[in-house]
Amino acid sequence: MKILLITSSARGHAIADALSRSTKKPEIISVCASDNPGIKKLAAKQYAGNIMDFDFVTSIAKKSKPDFAIIGPEDPMGAGLTDILEEMGIPTVAPKKKLARIESSKSFTRNLLKKHNIDISPKFRVFTSVEGLNLINFIDQEFKGEFVIKYDALKGGKGVKISGEHLNSIEEGVEYAKNCIKECGQVVIEEKLVGQEFSLMSFASGETTIDMPAVQDHKSIRRRHRPEYGWHGYLQ
């Protein structure tokens, strides 16, 4: 068995490690954004280059003729790499472009849930322009300054900014929202929720769904100063 693994991070190393422990003993063909020594030790061959250059990726796929492919990062999924590989006859563990919109567009996901009456979303609104004072009033009056601004496209996990953590005022929130609108055409503003967070991911074939273990995302450690004790870390 031969597997084409397209990745760019530690996530890909974890996938490669799991594949290498399979009783099937697959041959891993690695395509990385840059040289990855950890994956290289586990792979039969590693190619380093721009994984968003689909001509580059598909040339390796044609040459290596894998039984299937696995895509790690969200960006190539959102840009349609799965569609291209499957058109080449290579089954791929990753959503097609249409389905990847659940991850690549926050507004699409919120509106999809709303359309199908899946009542799990916080209060939210999508803005395509600053609309005079509507955006400022919405943050101030609806959320009393407790809000979340979400960049409505993929941004490497850096697109969500939260009041009190990344944004210190409504004015800062409005400024970030303006930048989001300028860069990707719209922005999602949501109610800020406080509590424990976990993620549940599943593999779905269209007929069968297999859940992975639930995992908790511990937020970054922040620093605050207490003069009597010096600097102390605390979990956000």
C-alpha atoms as a PDB file:
ATOM      1  CA  MET A   1       0.000   0.000   0.000  1.00  0.00           C
ATOM      2  CA  LYS A   2       1.245   3.462  -0.946  1.00  0.00           C
ATOM      3  CA  ILE A   3      -0.052   6.659   0.689  1.00  0.00           C
ATOM      4  CA  LEU A   4       0.506  10.231  -0.470  1.00  0.00           C
ATOM      5  CA  LEU A   5       0.684  12.443   2.643  1.00  0.00           C
ATOM      6  CA  ILE A   6       0.345  16.179   1.975  1.00  0.00           C
ATOM      7  CA  THR A   7       1.150  18.232   5.039  1.00  0.00           C
ATOM      8  CA  SER A   8       2.995  21.208   6.480  1.00  0.00           C
ATOM      9  CA  SER A   9       3.081  20.852  10.242  1.00  0.00           C
ATOM     10  CA  ALA A  10       3.357  18.691  13.357  1.00  0.00           C
ATOM     11  CA  ARG A  11      -0.121  17.397  12.549  1.00  0.00           C
ATOM     12  CA  GLY A  12       1.367  15.680   9.510  1.00  0.00           C
ATOM     13  CA  HIS A  13       4.124  14.152  11.631  1.00  0.00           C
ATOM     14  CA  ALA A  14       1.481  12.686  13.966  1.00  0.00           C
ATOM     15  CA  ILE A  15      -0.401  11.246  10.976  1.00  0.00           C
ATOM     16  CA  ALA A  16       2.810   9.797   9.517  1.00  0.00           C
ATOM     17  CA  ASP A  17       3.675   8.244  12.882  1.00  0.00           C
ATOM     18  CA  ALA A  18       0.242   6.604  13.121  1.00  0.00           C
ATOM     19  CA  LEU A  19       0.488   5.314   9.551  1.00  0.00           C
ATOM     20  CA  SER A  20       3.951   3.874  10.197  1.00  0.00           C
ATOM     21  CA  ARG A  21       2.549   1.804  13.090  1.00  0.00           C
ATOM     22  CA  SER A  22      -0.143   0.231  10.905  1.00  0.00           C
ATOM     23  CA  THR A  23       0.040  -3.534  10.376  1.00  0.00           C
ATOM     24  CA  LYS A  24      -0.384  -2.772   6.654  1.00  0.00           C
ATOM     25  CA  LYS A  25       3.145  -1.257   6.651  1.00  0.00           C
ATOM     26  CA  PRO A  26       2.276   1.403   4.062  1.00  0.00           C
ATOM     27  CA  GLU A  27       4.850   3.192   1.962  1.00  0.00           C
ATOM     28  CA  ILE A  28       4.514   6.903   2.767  1.00  0.00           C
ATOM     29  CA  ILE A  29       5.196   9.465   0.045  1.00  0.00           C
ATOM     30  CA  SER A  30       5.512  12.792   1.838  1.00  0.00           C
ATOM     31  CA  VAL A  31       4.791  16.183   0.272  1.00  0.00           C
ATOM     32  CA  CYS A  32       5.702  18.947   2.731  1.00  0.00           C
ATOM     33  CA  ALA A  33       5.765  22.735   2.623  1.00  0.00           C
ATOM     34  CA  SER A  34       9.378  22.500   3.812  1.00  0.00           C
ATOM     35  CA  ASP A  35      11.859  19.808   4.752  1.00  0.00           C
ATOM     36  CA  ASN A  36      10.502  17.863   7.747  1.00  0.00           C
ATOM     37  CA  PRO A  37      13.114  15.601   9.361  1.00  0.00           C
ATOM     38  CA  GLY A  38      10.554  13.792  11.546  1.00  0.00           C
ATOM     39  CA  ILE A  39       8.348  12.790   8.626  1.00  0.00           C
ATOM     40  CA  LYS A  40      11.371  12.072   6.438  1.00  0.00           C
ATOM     41  CA  LYS A  41      12.464   9.297   8.826  1.00  0.00           C
ATOM     42  CA  LEU A  42       9.086   7.625   8.395  1.00  0.00           C
ATOM     43  CA  ALA A  43       8.596   8.201   4.668  1.00  0.00           C
ATOM     44  CA  ALA A  44       9.969   6.284   1.706  1.00  0.00           C
ATOM     45  CA  LYS A  45      10.336   9.613  -0.111  1.00  0.00           C
ATOM     46  CA  GLN A  46       9.846  13.261   0.794  1.00  0.00           C
ATOM     47  CA  TYR A  47       9.272  16.201  -1.550  1.00  0.00           C
ATOM     48  CA  ALA A  48       9.460  19.763  -0.216  1.00  0.00           C
ATOM     49  CA  GLY A  49       7.682  22.589  -2.018  1.00  0.00           C
ATOM     50  CA  ASN A  50       4.616  24.797  -2.129  1.00  0.00           C
ATOM     51  CA  ILE A  51       1.642  22.557  -1.290  1.00  0.00           C
ATOM     52  CA  MET A  52      -0.675  25.252  -2.675  1.00  0.00           C
ATOM     53  CA  ASP A  53       0.958  24.752  -6.072  1.00  0.00           C
ATOM     54  CA  PHE A  54      -1.384  22.020  -7.254  1.00  0.00           C
ATOM     55  CA  ASP A  55       0.642  21.345 -10.412  1.00  0.00           C
ATOM     56  CA  PHE A  56       3.566  20.498  -8.114  1.00  0.00           C
ATOM     57  CA  VAL A  57       1.434  18.224  -5.936  1.00  0.00           C
ATOM     58  CA  THR A  58      -0.299  16.460  -8.828  1.00  0.00           C
ATOM     59  CA  SER A  59       3.009  15.855 -10.636  1.00  0.00           C
ATOM     60  CA  ILE A  60       4.174  13.898  -7.578  1.00  0.00           C
ATOM     61  CA  ALA A  61       0.847  12.067  -7.417  1.00  0.00           C
ATOM     62  CA  LYS A  62       1.147  11.037 -11.069  1.00  0.00           C
ATOM     63  CA  LYS A  63       4.703   9.840 -10.536  1.00  0.00           C
ATOM     64  CA  SER A  64       4.126   7.958  -7.272  1.00  0.00           C
ATOM     65  CA  LYS A  65       0.682   6.469  -8.115  1.00  0.00           C
ATOM     66  CA  PRO A  66      -0.601   6.196  -4.508  1.00  0.00           C
ATOM     67  CA  ASP A  67      -3.510   4.018  -3.417  1.00  0.00           C
ATOM     68  CA  PHE A  68      -4.943   7.053  -1.651  1.00  0.00           C
ATOM     69  CA  ALA A  69      -3.953  10.478  -0.328  1.00  0.00           C
ATOM     70  CA  ILE A  70      -4.277  12.273   2.999  1.00  0.00           C
ATOM     71  CA  ILE A  71      -4.347  16.069   3.191  1.00  0.00           C
ATOM     72  CA  GLY A  72      -3.419  17.619   6.542  1.00  0.00           C
ATOM     73  CA  PRO A  73      -3.791  21.426   6.295  1.00  0.00           C
ATOM     74  CA  GLU A  74      -7.049  23.297   5.692  1.00  0.00           C
ATOM     75  CA  ASP A  75      -5.780  25.658   2.958  1.00  0.00           C
ATOM     76  CA  PRO A  76      -5.397  23.066   0.164  1.00  0.00           C
ATOM     77  CA  MET A  77      -8.747  21.522   1.143  1.00  0.00           C
ATOM     78  CA  GLY A  78     -10.456  24.904   0.923  1.00  0.00           C
ATOM     79  CA  ALA A  79      -8.834  25.539  -2.454  1.00  0.00           C
ATOM     80  CA  GLY A  80     -10.063  22.219  -3.913  1.00  0.00           C
ATOM     81  CA  LEU A  81      -7.053  19.859  -3.896  1.00  0.00           C
ATOM     82  CA  THR A  82      -9.260  16.910  -2.895  1.00  0.00           C
ATOM     83  CA  ASP A  83     -11.455  17.481  -5.945  1.00  0.00           C
ATOM     84  CA  ILE A  84      -8.408  17.465  -8.249  1.00  0.00           C
ATOM     85  CA  LEU A  85      -6.883  14.298  -6.762  1.00  0.00           C
ATOM     86  CA  GLU A  86     -10.171  12.401  -6.890  1.00  0.00           C
ATOM     87  CA  GLU A  87     -10.671  13.452 -10.517  1.00  0.00           C
ATOM     88  CA  MET A  88      -7.291  11.779 -11.101  1.00  0.00           C
ATOM     89  CA  GLY A  89      -8.686   8.588  -9.538  1.00  0.00           C
ATOM     90  CA  ILE A  90      -6.899   8.990  -6.202  1.00  0.00           C
ATOM     91  CA  PRO A  91      -9.250   8.532  -3.203  1.00  0.00           C
ATOM     92  CA  THR A  92      -8.483  11.247  -0.655  1.00  0.00           C
ATOM     93  CA  VAL A  93      -8.975  11.524   3.102  1.00  0.00           C
ATOM     94  CA  ALA A  94     -10.138  15.151   3.199  1.00  0.00           C
ATOM     95  CA  PRO A  95     -13.329  17.007   2.294  1.00  0.00           C
ATOM     96  CA  LYS A  96     -13.961  18.330  -1.189  1.00  0.00           C
ATOM     97  CA  LYS A  97     -14.013  22.100  -1.690  1.00  0.00           C
ATOM     98  CA  LYS A  98     -17.778  22.384  -1.286  1.00  0.00           C
ATOM     99  CA  LEU A  99     -17.771  20.534   2.036  1.00  0.00           C
ATOM    100  CA  ALA A 100     -14.602  22.267   3.245  1.00  0.00           C
ATOM    101  CA  ARG A 101     -16.584  25.534   3.378  1.00  0.00           C
ATOM    102  CA  ILE A 102     -17.727  24.436   6.843  1.00  0.00           C
ATOM    103  CA  GLU A 103     -14.168  25.158   7.956  1.00  0.00           C
ATOM    104  CA  SER A 104     -13.144  27.825   5.463  1.00  0.00           C
ATOM    105  CA  SER A 105     -16.142  30.136   5.988  1.00  0.00           C
ATOM    106  CA  LYS A 106     -17.509  30.951   9.435  1.00  0.00           C
ATOM    107  CA  SER A 107     -20.577  32.697   7.986  1.00  0.00           C
ATOM    108  CA  PHE A 108     -21.415  29.723   5.751  1.00  0.00           C
ATOM    109  CA  THR A 109     -21.375  27.390   8.759  1.00  0.00           C
ATOM    110  CA  ARG A 110     -23.493  29.664  10.959  1.00  0.00           C
ATOM    111  CA  ASN A 111     -26.049  30.211   8.191  1.00  0.00           C
ATOM    112  CA  LEU A 112     -26.116  26.473   7.361  1.00  0.00           C
ATOM    113  CA  LEU A 113     -26.958  25.649  10.984  1.00  0.00           C
ATOM    114  CA  LYS A 114     -29.612  28.362  11.000  1.00  0.00           C
ATOM    115  CA  LYS A 115     -31.127  27.132   7.712  1.00  0.00           C
ATOM    116  CA  HIS A 116     -31.580  23.614   9.092  1.00  0.00           C
ATOM    117  CA  ASN A 117     -32.811  24.772  12.531  1.00  0.00           C
ATOM    118  CA  ILE A 118     -29.808  23.341  14.360  1.00  0.00           C
ATOM    119  CA  ASP A 119     -29.976  25.619  17.375  1.00  0.00           C
ATOM    120  CA  ILE A 120     -26.398  25.513  18.690  1.00  0.00           C
ATOM    121  CA  SER A 121     -25.012  28.867  17.561  1.00  0.00           C
ATOM    122  CA  PRO A 122     -24.422  31.877  19.778  1.00  0.00           C
ATOM    123  CA  LYS A 123     -26.047  35.163  18.778  1.00  0.00           C
ATOM    124  CA  PHE A 124     -24.256  36.358  15.631  1.00  0.00           C
ATOM    125  CA  ARG A 125     -24.435  38.636  12.622  1.00  0.00           C
ATOM    126  CA  VAL A 126     -22.537  38.752   9.326  1.00  0.00           C
ATOM    127  CA  PHE A 127     -21.387  42.174   8.125  1.00  0.00           C
ATOM    128  CA  THR A 128     -20.295  42.923   4.571  1.00  0.00           C
ATOM    129  CA  SER A 129     -19.634  46.576   5.328  1.00  0.00           C
ATOM    130  CA  VAL A 130     -19.291  48.805   8.362  1.00  0.00           C
ATOM    131  CA  GLU A 131     -22.844  50.056   7.610  1.00  0.00           C
ATOM    132  CA  GLY A 132     -22.514  53.380   9.387  1.00  0.00           C
ATOM    133  CA  LEU A 133     -22.851  52.881  13.130  1.00  0.00           C
ATOM    134  CA  ASN A 134     -24.675  49.522  12.861  1.00  0.00           C
ATOM    135  CA  LEU A 135     -21.563  47.463  13.540  1.00  0.00           C
ATOM    136  CA  ILE A 136     -20.533  49.553  16.565  1.00  0.00           C
ATOM    137  CA  ASN A 137     -24.075  49.559  17.952  1.00  0.00           C
ATOM    138  CA  PHE A 138     -24.419  45.808  17.460  1.00  0.00           C
ATOM    139  CA  ILE A 139     -21.280  45.103  19.502  1.00  0.00           C
ATOM    140  CA  ASP A 140     -22.164  47.627  22.171  1.00  0.00           C
ATOM    141  CA  GLN A 141     -25.900  47.106  22.571  1.00  0.00           C
ATOM    142  CA  GLU A 142     -26.246  43.381  21.845  1.00  0.00           C
ATOM    143  CA  PHE A 143     -23.125  42.142  23.594  1.00  0.00           C
ATOM    144  CA  LYS A 144     -22.257  44.953  26.017  1.00  0.00           C
ATOM    145  CA  GLY A 145     -18.667  44.819  24.768  1.00  0.00           C
ATOM    146  CA  GLU A 146     -18.359  41.010  25.247  1.00  0.00           C
ATOM    147  CA  PHE A 147     -17.816  39.858  21.676  1.00  0.00           C
ATOM    148  CA  VAL A 148     -15.851  37.737  19.200  1.00  0.00           C
ATOM    149  CA  ILE A 149     -14.694  38.914  15.756  1.00  0.00           C
ATOM    150  CA  LYS A 150     -14.165  36.151  13.185  1.00  0.00           C
ATOM    151  CA  TYR A 151     -12.248  36.536   9.933  1.00  0.00           C
ATOM    152  CA  ASP A 152     -14.471  34.845   7.347  1.00  0.00           C
ATOM    153  CA  ALA A 153     -11.809  32.765   5.595  1.00  0.00           C
ATOM    154  CA  LEU A 154      -8.874  30.542   6.496  1.00  0.00           C
ATOM    155  CA  LYS A 155      -6.148  32.389   8.362  1.00  0.00           C
ATOM    156  CA  GLY A 156      -3.977  29.655   9.874  1.00  0.00           C
ATOM    157  CA  GLY A 157      -5.840  29.612  13.181  1.00  0.00           C
ATOM    158  CA  LYS A 158      -5.196  33.336  13.737  1.00  0.00           C
ATOM    159  CA  GLY A 159      -8.458  34.793  12.420  1.00  0.00           C
ATOM    160  CA  VAL A 160     -10.552  34.787  15.600  1.00  0.00           C
ATOM    161  CA  LYS A 161     -10.084  37.619  18.076  1.00  0.00           C
ATOM    162  CA  ILE A 162     -11.850  37.828  21.440  1.00  0.00           C
ATOM    163  CA  SER A 163     -12.694  40.844  23.556  1.00  0.00           C
ATOM    164  CA  GLY A 164     -10.687  40.967  26.766  1.00  0.00           C
ATOM    165  CA  GLU A 165      -7.967  38.728  25.320  1.00  0.00           C
ATOM    166  CA  HIS A 166      -6.957  40.058  21.908  1.00  0.00           C
ATOM    167  CA  LEU A 167      -9.167  43.141  21.755  1.00  0.00           C
ATOM    168  CA  ASN A 168      -9.209  45.626  24.624  1.00  0.00           C
ATOM    169  CA  SER A 169     -12.074  47.853  23.472  1.00  0.00           C
ATOM    170  CA  ILE A 170     -15.017  48.095  21.103  1.00  0.00           C
ATOM    171  CA  GLU A 171     -12.935  50.464  18.982  1.00  0.00           C
ATOM    172  CA  GLU A 172     -10.217  47.816  18.545  1.00  0.00           C
ATOM    173  CA  GLY A 173     -12.913  45.293  17.618  1.00  0.00           C
ATOM    174  CA  VAL A 174     -14.386  47.599  15.010  1.00  0.00           C
ATOM    175  CA  GLU A 175     -10.944  48.253  13.536  1.00  0.00           C
ATOM    176  CA  TYR A 176     -10.231  44.520  13.250  1.00  0.00           C
ATOM    177  CA  ALA A 177     -13.693  43.944  11.744  1.00  0.00           C
ATOM    178  CA  LYS A 178     -12.963  46.632   9.121  1.00  0.00           C
ATOM    179  CA  ASN A 179      -9.698  44.858   8.223  1.00  0.00           C
ATOM    180  CA  CYS A 180     -11.554  41.550   7.875  1.00  0.00           C
ATOM    181  CA  ILE A 181     -14.116  43.104   5.530  1.00  0.00           C
ATOM    182  CA  LYS A 182     -11.335  44.696   3.499  1.00  0.00           C
ATOM    183  CA  GLU A 183      -9.416  41.415   3.121  1.00  0.00           C
ATOM    184  CA  CYS A 184     -12.142  38.796   2.674  1.00  0.00           C
ATOM    185  CA  GLY A 185     -15.331  40.740   1.979  1.00  0.00           C
ATOM    186  CA  GLN A 186     -17.201  40.081   5.212  1.00  0.00           C
ATOM    187  CA  VAL A 187     -16.840  39.422   8.915  1.00  0.00           C
ATOM    188  CA  VAL A 188     -18.735  37.438  11.548  1.00  0.00           C
ATOM    189  CA  ILE A 189     -19.429  39.049  14.931  1.00  0.00           C
ATOM    190  CA  GLU A 190     -20.584  36.716  17.678  1.00  0.00           C
ATOM    191  CA  GLU A 191     -21.561  36.636  21.300  1.00  0.00           C
ATOM    192  CA  LYS A 192     -18.617  35.748  23.547  1.00  0.00           C
ATOM    193  CA  LEU A 193     -19.109  32.422  25.335  1.00  0.00           C
ATOM    194  CA  VAL A 194     -17.134  31.497  28.446  1.00  0.00           C
ATOM    195  CA  GLY A 195     -16.608  27.903  29.536  1.00  0.00           C
ATOM    196  CA  GLN A 196     -14.889  24.608  28.786  1.00  0.00           C
ATOM    197  CA  GLU A 197     -14.208  23.807  25.133  1.00  0.00           C
ATOM    198  CA  PHE A 198     -13.694  20.470  23.395  1.00  0.00           C
ATOM    199  CA  SER A 199     -13.497  19.196  19.830  1.00  0.00           C
ATOM    200  CA  LEU A 200     -15.018  16.033  18.411  1.00  0.00           C
ATOM    201  CA  MET A 201     -13.829  15.084  14.929  1.00  0.00           C
ATOM    202  CA  SER A 202     -15.180  12.228  12.848  1.00  0.00           C
ATOM    203  CA  PHE A 203     -14.326  10.326   9.695  1.00  0.00           C
ATOM    204  CA  ALA A 204     -17.327  10.213   7.333  1.00  0.00           C
ATOM    205  CA  SER A 205     -17.611   8.260   4.082  1.00  0.00           C
ATOM    206  CA  GLY A 206     -21.137   9.346   3.177  1.00  0.00           C
ATOM    207  CA  GLU A 207     -22.539   6.126   4.612  1.00  0.00           C
ATOM    208  CA  THR A 208     -20.495   5.511   7.756  1.00  0.00           C
ATOM    209  CA  THR A 209     -19.278   7.871  10.480  1.00  0.00           C
ATOM    210  CA  ILE A 210     -16.533   6.950  12.937  1.00  0.00           C
ATOM    211  CA  ASP A 211     -15.872   9.321  15.823  1.00  0.00           C
ATOM    212  CA  MET A 212     -12.405  10.078  17.153  1.00  0.00           C
ATOM    213  CA  PRO A 213     -11.853  10.663  20.894  1.00  0.00           C
ATOM    214  CA  ALA A 214     -13.012  14.062  22.141  1.00  0.00           C
ATOM    215  CA  VAL A 215     -10.082  16.371  22.884  1.00  0.00           C
ATOM    216  CA  GLN A 216      -9.785  19.629  24.803  1.00  0.00           C
ATOM    217  CA  ASP A 217      -8.077  22.696  23.418  1.00  0.00           C
ATOM    218  CA  HIS A 218      -6.223  24.389  26.293  1.00  0.00           C
ATOM    219  CA  LYS A 219      -5.822  28.054  25.513  1.00  0.00           C
ATOM    220  CA  SER A 220      -2.476  29.768  25.622  1.00  0.00           C
ATOM    221  CA  ILE A 221      -0.781  30.567  28.924  1.00  0.00           C
ATOM    222  CA  ARG A 222      -0.883  34.271  29.622  1.00  0.00           C
ATOM    223  CA  ARG A 223       1.322  36.262  31.972  1.00  0.00           C
ATOM    224  CA  ARG A 224       0.187  38.710  34.592  1.00  0.00           C
ATOM    225  CA  HIS A 225       2.162  40.592  37.197  1.00  0.00           C
ATOM    226  CA  ARG A 226       1.522  40.504  40.918  1.00  0.00           C
ATOM    227  CA  PRO A 227       4.076  42.740  42.655  1.00  0.00           C
ATOM    228  CA  GLU A 228       4.082  40.655  45.834  1.00  0.00           C
ATOM    229  CA  TYR A 229       4.918  37.453  43.971  1.00  0.00           C
ATOM    230  CA  GLY A 230       6.498  38.534  40.677  1.00  0.00           C
ATOM    231  CA  TRP A 231       5.393  37.080  37.358  1.00  0.00           C
ATOM    232  CA  HIS A 232       2.997  34.132  37.394  1.00  0.00           C
ATOM    233  CA  GLY A 233       1.503  32.156  34.560  1.00  0.00           C
ATOM    234  CA  TYR A 234      -2.170  31.369  34.433  1.00  0.00           C
ATOM    235  CA  LEU A 235      -4.358  29.453  32.025  1.00  0.00           C
ATOM    236  CA  GLN A 236      -6.654  31.631  29.974  1.00  0.00           C
END
